[in-house]
Amino acid sequence: MPVTEIATFSVVEPDTLHSEPIASLLEQGIRSQINFSSQPVYLFTEVTNERSVYLISGWGSIDQHMESTKSQVNQEVMSVLVPKHLGFNGLVHPAIDFTTFPSDVAVVVIQRFEVADGADSVKDLFTSAKWVHSGVDEHNGGHRISAYGSLEGAEVLKTAEGVVTEATVVLKRAVSFEVDGGKQVA
């Protein structure tokens, strides 16, 4: 079953997401991931904490992702990055097909919800989303992901601090890596 990977990290001070060796090692690991999954990879930072990084991508299944983590490249990259440069905060795989995720996304809002309450219990914070999907992860947690282009995203960012809660994060794109080898730094 297709899933969306949401991995969270925190950048250890004094490093930044764009400092070395973080930037080059992340790119090396992400290029390996793209070769394995054939899906683009996006790095986002929380608007209220730029040290909080979200890696968002897609996989054919959780098993496919777990198999890729055993690769030599992944093991080497992660052994250098964690915990010296990045803290690993968590990983979930909501059952959301990532293949339709728009490539021009500038802002993402992730809302967590109780599965018993259903995805309809989550209110639309903004009506201009280009892409909205909900799914349940392997730990039985619900996630609703809303993606916004640059114009709509600018409006979201204006009010972001007012909507951020323990269950809602607002993210802005930092870097994206495309299947065709392209890279975009926001």
Protein backbone atom coordinates (compact mmCIF):
# COMPACT_ATOMS: atom_id res chain seq x y z
CA MET A 1 0.00 0.00 0.00
CA PRO A 2 1.45 3.42 -0.94
CA VAL A 3 2.45 5.60 2.00
CA THR A 4 3.79 9.08 2.66
CA GLU A 5 6.92 9.30 4.78
CA ILE A 6 7.04 12.06 7.37
CA ALA A 7 10.40 12.01 9.15
CA THR A 8 11.24 14.74 11.66
CA PHE A 9 14.67 15.96 12.67
CA SER A 10 16.12 18.85 14.63
CA VAL A 11 19.27 20.62 13.51
CA VAL A 12 21.88 20.74 16.28
CA GLU A 13 23.32 24.20 16.98
CA PRO A 14 25.41 25.86 15.60
CA ASP A 15 24.64 23.96 12.35
CA THR A 16 21.94 24.93 9.88
CA LEU A 17 20.17 22.84 7.27
CA HIS A 18 22.40 24.41 4.61
CA SER A 19 25.75 24.11 6.43
CA GLU A 20 28.32 21.41 5.78
CA PRO A 21 28.41 18.50 6.19
CA ILE A 22 24.61 18.48 6.62
CA ALA A 23 23.74 19.81 3.15
CA SER A 24 25.99 17.49 1.14
CA LEU A 25 25.24 14.39 3.23
CA LEU A 26 21.49 14.98 3.10
CA GLU A 27 21.70 15.37 -0.66
CA GLN A 28 23.70 12.15 -0.95
CA GLY A 29 21.20 10.24 1.19
CA ILE A 30 18.19 11.76 -0.55
CA ARG A 31 19.55 10.96 -4.02
CA SER A 32 19.92 7.35 -2.87
CA GLN A 33 16.35 7.42 -1.54
CA ILE A 34 15.02 8.74 -4.86
CA ASN A 35 16.83 5.95 -6.72
CA PHE A 36 15.20 3.42 -4.40
CA SER A 37 11.65 4.87 -4.27
CA SER A 38 11.34 6.79 -7.58
CA GLN A 39 9.59 9.55 -5.60
CA PRO A 40 10.67 13.17 -5.07
CA VAL A 41 11.82 14.23 -1.60
CA TYR A 42 10.98 17.54 0.07
CA LEU A 43 12.58 19.13 3.11
CA PHE A 44 10.46 21.60 5.04
CA THR A 45 11.12 23.63 8.18
CA GLU A 46 8.59 24.67 10.79
CA VAL A 47 7.68 28.34 10.43
CA THR A 48 7.98 28.79 14.20
CA ASN A 49 11.26 26.85 14.52
CA GLU A 50 13.61 26.61 11.54
CA ARG A 51 15.71 24.01 13.36
CA SER A 52 12.77 21.59 13.13
CA VAL A 53 13.03 19.79 9.76
CA TYR A 54 10.46 17.55 8.08
CA LEU A 55 11.41 15.16 5.29
CA ILE A 56 8.32 14.32 3.25
CA SER A 57 8.30 11.76 0.46
CA GLY A 58 6.49 8.69 -0.81
CA TRP A 59 7.03 4.95 -0.84
CA GLY A 60 5.30 1.97 -2.38
CA SER A 61 5.00 0.50 1.12
CA ILE A 62 6.44 0.78 4.61
CA ASP A 63 8.43 -2.39 3.92
CA GLN A 64 10.06 -0.76 0.88
CA HIS A 65 11.11 2.21 3.04
CA MET A 66 12.45 0.02 5.84
CA GLU A 67 14.46 -2.02 3.32
CA SER A 68 16.02 1.19 1.95
CA THR A 69 17.17 2.24 5.42
CA LYS A 70 19.47 -0.80 5.44
CA SER A 71 21.38 0.46 2.37
CA GLN A 72 25.06 1.26 2.78
CA VAL A 73 24.54 4.89 1.70
CA ASN A 74 21.75 5.43 4.22
CA GLN A 75 23.74 3.82 7.02
CA GLU A 76 26.85 5.91 6.27
CA VAL A 77 24.94 9.19 5.95
CA MET A 78 22.89 8.69 9.09
CA SER A 79 25.90 7.57 11.14
CA VAL A 80 27.61 10.91 10.43
CA LEU A 81 24.54 13.14 10.76
CA VAL A 82 22.77 11.64 13.81
CA PRO A 83 23.22 12.70 16.58
CA LYS A 84 26.13 15.10 16.00
CA HIS A 85 24.38 17.35 13.44
CA LEU A 86 20.75 16.18 13.47
CA GLY A 87 18.52 14.84 16.20
CA PHE A 88 16.05 12.21 14.98
CA ASN A 89 12.61 13.04 16.37
CA GLY A 90 10.25 10.60 14.70
CA LEU A 91 8.92 8.78 11.67
CA VAL A 92 5.40 7.96 10.55
CA HIS A 93 3.94 6.56 7.34
CA PRO A 94 0.32 7.65 6.86
CA ALA A 95 -1.53 5.64 4.20
CA ILE A 96 -1.53 8.51 1.70
CA ASP A 97 -0.52 8.04 -1.94
CA PHE A 98 2.24 10.60 -2.47
CA THR A 99 2.39 10.23 -6.26
CA THR A 100 -0.07 13.11 -6.76
CA PHE A 101 1.75 15.54 -4.42
CA PRO A 102 2.24 18.75 -6.42
CA SER A 103 5.86 19.62 -7.22
CA ASP A 104 5.38 23.36 -6.77
CA VAL A 105 4.42 23.24 -3.11
CA ALA A 106 5.73 26.10 -0.98
CA VAL A 107 3.85 25.51 2.29
CA VAL A 108 2.44 22.40 3.99
CA VAL A 109 0.10 22.16 6.96
CA ILE A 110 0.03 18.85 8.84
CA GLN A 111 -2.81 18.27 11.26
CA ARG A 112 -2.92 15.24 13.51
CA PHE A 113 -6.28 13.79 14.52
CA GLU A 114 -7.74 10.94 16.55
CA VAL A 115 -8.64 8.10 14.21
CA ALA A 116 -11.86 7.42 16.15
CA ASP A 117 -12.99 10.98 15.39
CA GLY A 118 -12.17 10.67 11.67
CA ALA A 119 -10.51 13.06 9.26
CA ASP A 120 -13.71 15.11 9.09
CA SER A 121 -13.05 16.19 12.67
CA VAL A 122 -10.17 18.32 11.36
CA LYS A 123 -11.32 21.73 10.19
CA ASP A 124 -9.98 23.37 7.05
CA LEU A 125 -7.72 26.13 8.33
CA PHE A 126 -7.31 27.61 4.87
CA THR A 127 -9.50 27.03 1.82
CA SER A 128 -6.88 27.52 -0.89
CA ALA A 129 -5.03 24.18 -0.67
CA LYS A 130 -3.86 22.62 -3.93
CA TRP A 131 -3.77 19.13 -2.42
CA VAL A 132 -5.40 17.69 0.70
CA HIS A 133 -5.17 14.06 1.78
CA SER A 134 -5.70 12.21 5.05
CA GLY A 135 -4.46 8.84 6.21
CA VAL A 136 -3.74 6.66 9.22
CA ASP A 137 -0.15 5.72 10.09
CA GLU A 138 1.32 2.46 11.38
CA HIS A 139 0.80 3.64 14.99
CA ASN A 140 -2.91 4.30 14.37
CA GLY A 141 -2.50 8.08 14.31
CA GLY A 142 -4.38 10.22 11.83
CA HIS A 143 -2.67 12.82 9.64
CA ARG A 144 -4.14 15.36 7.27
CA ILE A 145 -1.68 17.00 4.89
CA SER A 146 -2.63 20.19 3.03
CA ALA A 147 -0.26 21.58 0.40
CA TYR A 148 -0.19 25.15 -0.89
CA GLY A 149 1.53 26.84 -3.83
CA SER A 150 3.63 29.97 -3.37
CA LEU A 151 0.77 32.47 -3.73
CA GLU A 152 -1.62 30.60 -1.42
CA GLY A 153 1.27 29.68 0.85
CA ALA A 154 2.18 33.32 1.38
CA GLU A 155 -1.32 33.88 2.78
CA VAL A 156 -0.99 30.84 5.04
CA LEU A 157 2.36 32.08 6.38
CA LYS A 158 0.86 35.46 7.32
CA THR A 159 -1.35 33.78 9.92
CA ALA A 160 0.71 30.65 10.63
CA GLU A 161 1.68 31.45 14.20
CA GLY A 162 -1.99 31.78 15.09
CA VAL A 163 -2.85 28.24 13.97
CA VAL A 164 0.16 26.28 15.22
CA THR A 165 -0.77 23.92 18.06
CA GLU A 166 0.48 20.63 19.41
CA ALA A 167 -1.62 18.91 16.72
CA THR A 168 -0.96 21.35 13.86
CA VAL A 169 2.33 22.35 12.25
CA VAL A 170 2.89 24.81 9.43
CA LEU A 171 5.93 24.12 7.26
CA LYS A 172 7.71 26.07 4.54
CA ARG A 173 9.74 24.36 1.85
CA ALA A 174 13.50 24.56 2.29
CA VAL A 175 14.79 22.19 -0.41
CA SER A 176 13.29 19.73 -2.88
CA PHE A 177 14.92 16.95 -4.83
CA GLU A 178 13.20 15.71 -7.98
CA VAL A 179 13.34 12.26 -9.55
CA ASP A 180 14.91 13.72 -12.71
CA GLY A 181 17.88 14.99 -10.69
CA GLY A 182 16.59 18.52 -10.24
CA LYS A 183 17.11 20.38 -6.98
CA GLN A 184 15.33 23.51 -5.79
CA VAL A 185 16.37 25.55 -2.78
CA ALA A 186 13.61 27.81 -1.47
